[in-house]
């Protein structure tokens, strides 16, 4: 389904369409079982504005290093991020931050809750 859904739609499919999903593996998605702290939420809201003034080379290096564990994947992440201008990069990041805030609101308002266990054994 792609990274854009950030893991939010996959469990819903698993629950709402029995038998349609044999296995569910979500890698690199936002943890929706643990609510972020107030400081983390404020940091996420401010991050696009901080990124605008952050030196571009250092920002891309830091993001790449924190995206992956292995040096090969870090290098790939760095190269992939450079396909966007800094303005485009910040625009994408801002969209992610807004999506995360929306997802947090859904979790807090209990509109997004599971009535069945997500993992079967």
Protein backbone atom coordinates (compact mmCIF):
# COMPACT_ATOMS: atom_id res chain seq x y z
CA UNK A 1 0.00 0.00 0.00
CA UNK A 2 2.98 2.31 0.26
CA UNK A 3 4.66 4.28 2.98
CA UNK A 4 2.29 7.22 2.72
CA UNK A 5 -0.40 5.43 4.69
CA UNK A 6 2.20 5.04 7.47
CA UNK A 7 0.65 1.79 8.59
CA UNK A 8 -2.76 3.30 9.33
CA UNK A 9 -4.84 1.53 6.67
CA UNK A 10 -3.33 -1.93 6.78
CA UNK A 11 -4.74 -3.05 10.15
CA UNK A 12 -8.18 -1.75 9.13
CA UNK A 13 -8.09 -3.96 6.03
CA UNK A 14 -7.01 -6.91 8.15
CA UNK A 15 -9.98 -6.42 10.48
CA UNK A 16 -12.70 -5.34 8.05
CA UNK A 17 -12.10 -7.92 5.32
CA UNK A 18 -11.65 -11.30 7.05
CA UNK A 19 -9.63 -13.73 4.97
CA UNK A 20 -8.28 -11.04 2.65
CA UNK A 21 -4.99 -10.81 4.53
CA UNK A 22 -2.90 -13.89 5.33
CA UNK A 23 -0.09 -11.98 7.01
CA UNK A 24 0.61 -8.42 7.98
CA UNK A 25 4.08 -6.93 8.25
CA UNK A 26 4.49 -3.20 8.77
CA UNK A 27 8.04 -1.84 8.64
CA UNK A 28 8.93 1.74 9.38
CA UNK A 29 5.43 2.91 10.22
CA UNK A 30 4.43 5.21 13.01
CA UNK A 31 3.75 3.39 16.26
CA UNK A 32 0.04 4.00 16.79
CA UNK A 33 -0.08 2.09 20.05
CA UNK A 34 2.04 4.61 21.94
CA UNK A 35 0.96 8.23 21.95
CA UNK A 36 3.77 10.73 21.47
CA UNK A 37 4.62 13.01 24.36
CA UNK A 38 3.60 16.65 24.27
CA UNK A 39 7.23 17.59 23.58
CA UNK A 40 7.39 15.16 20.63
CA UNK A 41 4.16 16.60 19.18
CA UNK A 42 5.46 20.16 19.51
CA UNK A 43 8.77 19.12 17.94
CA UNK A 44 6.99 17.53 15.00
CA UNK A 45 4.85 20.63 14.44
CA UNK A 46 7.90 22.88 14.53
CA UNK A 47 10.19 20.63 12.48
CA UNK A 48 9.21 21.93 9.00
CA UNK A 49 10.00 25.50 10.09
CA UNK A 50 13.29 24.47 11.71
CA UNK A 51 14.20 22.51 8.57
CA UNK A 52 13.80 25.66 6.44
CA UNK A 53 16.75 27.30 8.20
CA UNK A 54 18.79 24.13 8.86
CA UNK A 55 21.88 23.84 6.60
CA UNK A 56 20.75 21.56 3.79
CA UNK A 57 23.80 19.28 3.60
CA UNK A 58 23.75 18.55 7.33
CA UNK A 59 19.99 18.05 7.37
CA UNK A 60 20.06 15.51 4.53
CA UNK A 61 22.99 13.66 6.13
CA UNK A 62 21.23 13.51 9.50
CA UNK A 63 17.95 12.31 7.97
CA UNK A 64 19.75 9.64 5.93
CA UNK A 65 21.71 8.42 8.96
CA UNK A 66 18.53 8.15 11.04
CA UNK A 67 16.50 6.49 8.29
CA UNK A 68 18.48 3.27 8.20
CA UNK A 69 21.03 1.18 10.06
CA UNK A 70 23.33 -0.01 7.29
CA UNK A 71 25.63 2.38 5.47
CA UNK A 72 24.38 1.19 2.06
CA UNK A 73 20.78 2.08 2.87
CA UNK A 74 21.83 5.34 4.50
CA UNK A 75 23.67 6.24 1.29
CA UNK A 76 20.59 5.35 -0.77
CA UNK A 77 18.36 7.44 1.51
CA UNK A 78 20.71 10.39 1.16
CA UNK A 79 20.77 10.10 -2.63
CA UNK A 80 16.99 9.71 -2.75
CA UNK A 81 16.46 12.80 -0.60
CA UNK A 82 18.66 14.84 -2.94
CA UNK A 83 16.23 14.19 -5.80
CA UNK A 84 14.12 16.92 -4.20
CA UNK A 85 15.08 20.54 -3.81
CA UNK A 86 15.24 21.73 -0.21
CA UNK A 87 11.93 23.52 -0.66
CA UNK A 88 10.33 20.31 -1.97
CA UNK A 89 11.92 18.29 0.84
CA UNK A 90 10.47 20.64 3.48
CA UNK A 91 7.06 20.56 1.75
CA UNK A 92 7.01 16.74 1.88
CA UNK A 93 8.17 16.77 5.50
CA UNK A 94 5.44 19.27 6.39
CA UNK A 95 2.81 16.99 4.80
CA UNK A 96 4.12 14.08 6.88
CA UNK A 97 4.03 16.19 10.04
CA UNK A 98 0.43 17.22 9.30
CA UNK A 99 -0.55 13.61 8.62
CA UNK A 100 1.04 12.51 11.90
CA UNK A 101 -0.90 15.23 13.76
CA UNK A 102 -4.12 14.06 12.11
CA UNK A 103 -3.37 10.43 13.00
CA UNK A 104 -2.71 11.46 16.60
CA UNK A 105 -6.06 13.25 16.70
CA UNK A 106 -7.81 10.13 15.43
CA UNK A 107 -6.16 7.94 18.06
CA UNK A 108 -6.96 10.36 20.86
CA UNK A 109 -10.59 10.77 19.80
CA UNK A 110 -10.97 6.95 19.69
CA UNK A 111 -12.23 7.07 16.12
CA UNK A 112 -9.38 4.77 15.21
CA UNK A 113 -9.52 1.84 17.57
CA UNK A 114 -9.24 -1.89 17.18
CA UNK A 115 -11.88 -4.21 18.53
CA UNK A 116 -9.95 -7.34 17.49
CA UNK A 117 -6.35 -8.25 18.13
CA UNK A 118 -4.22 -7.19 15.17
CA UNK A 119 -1.80 -10.09 15.44
CA UNK A 120 -2.83 -13.72 15.19
CA UNK A 121 -0.55 -16.51 16.27
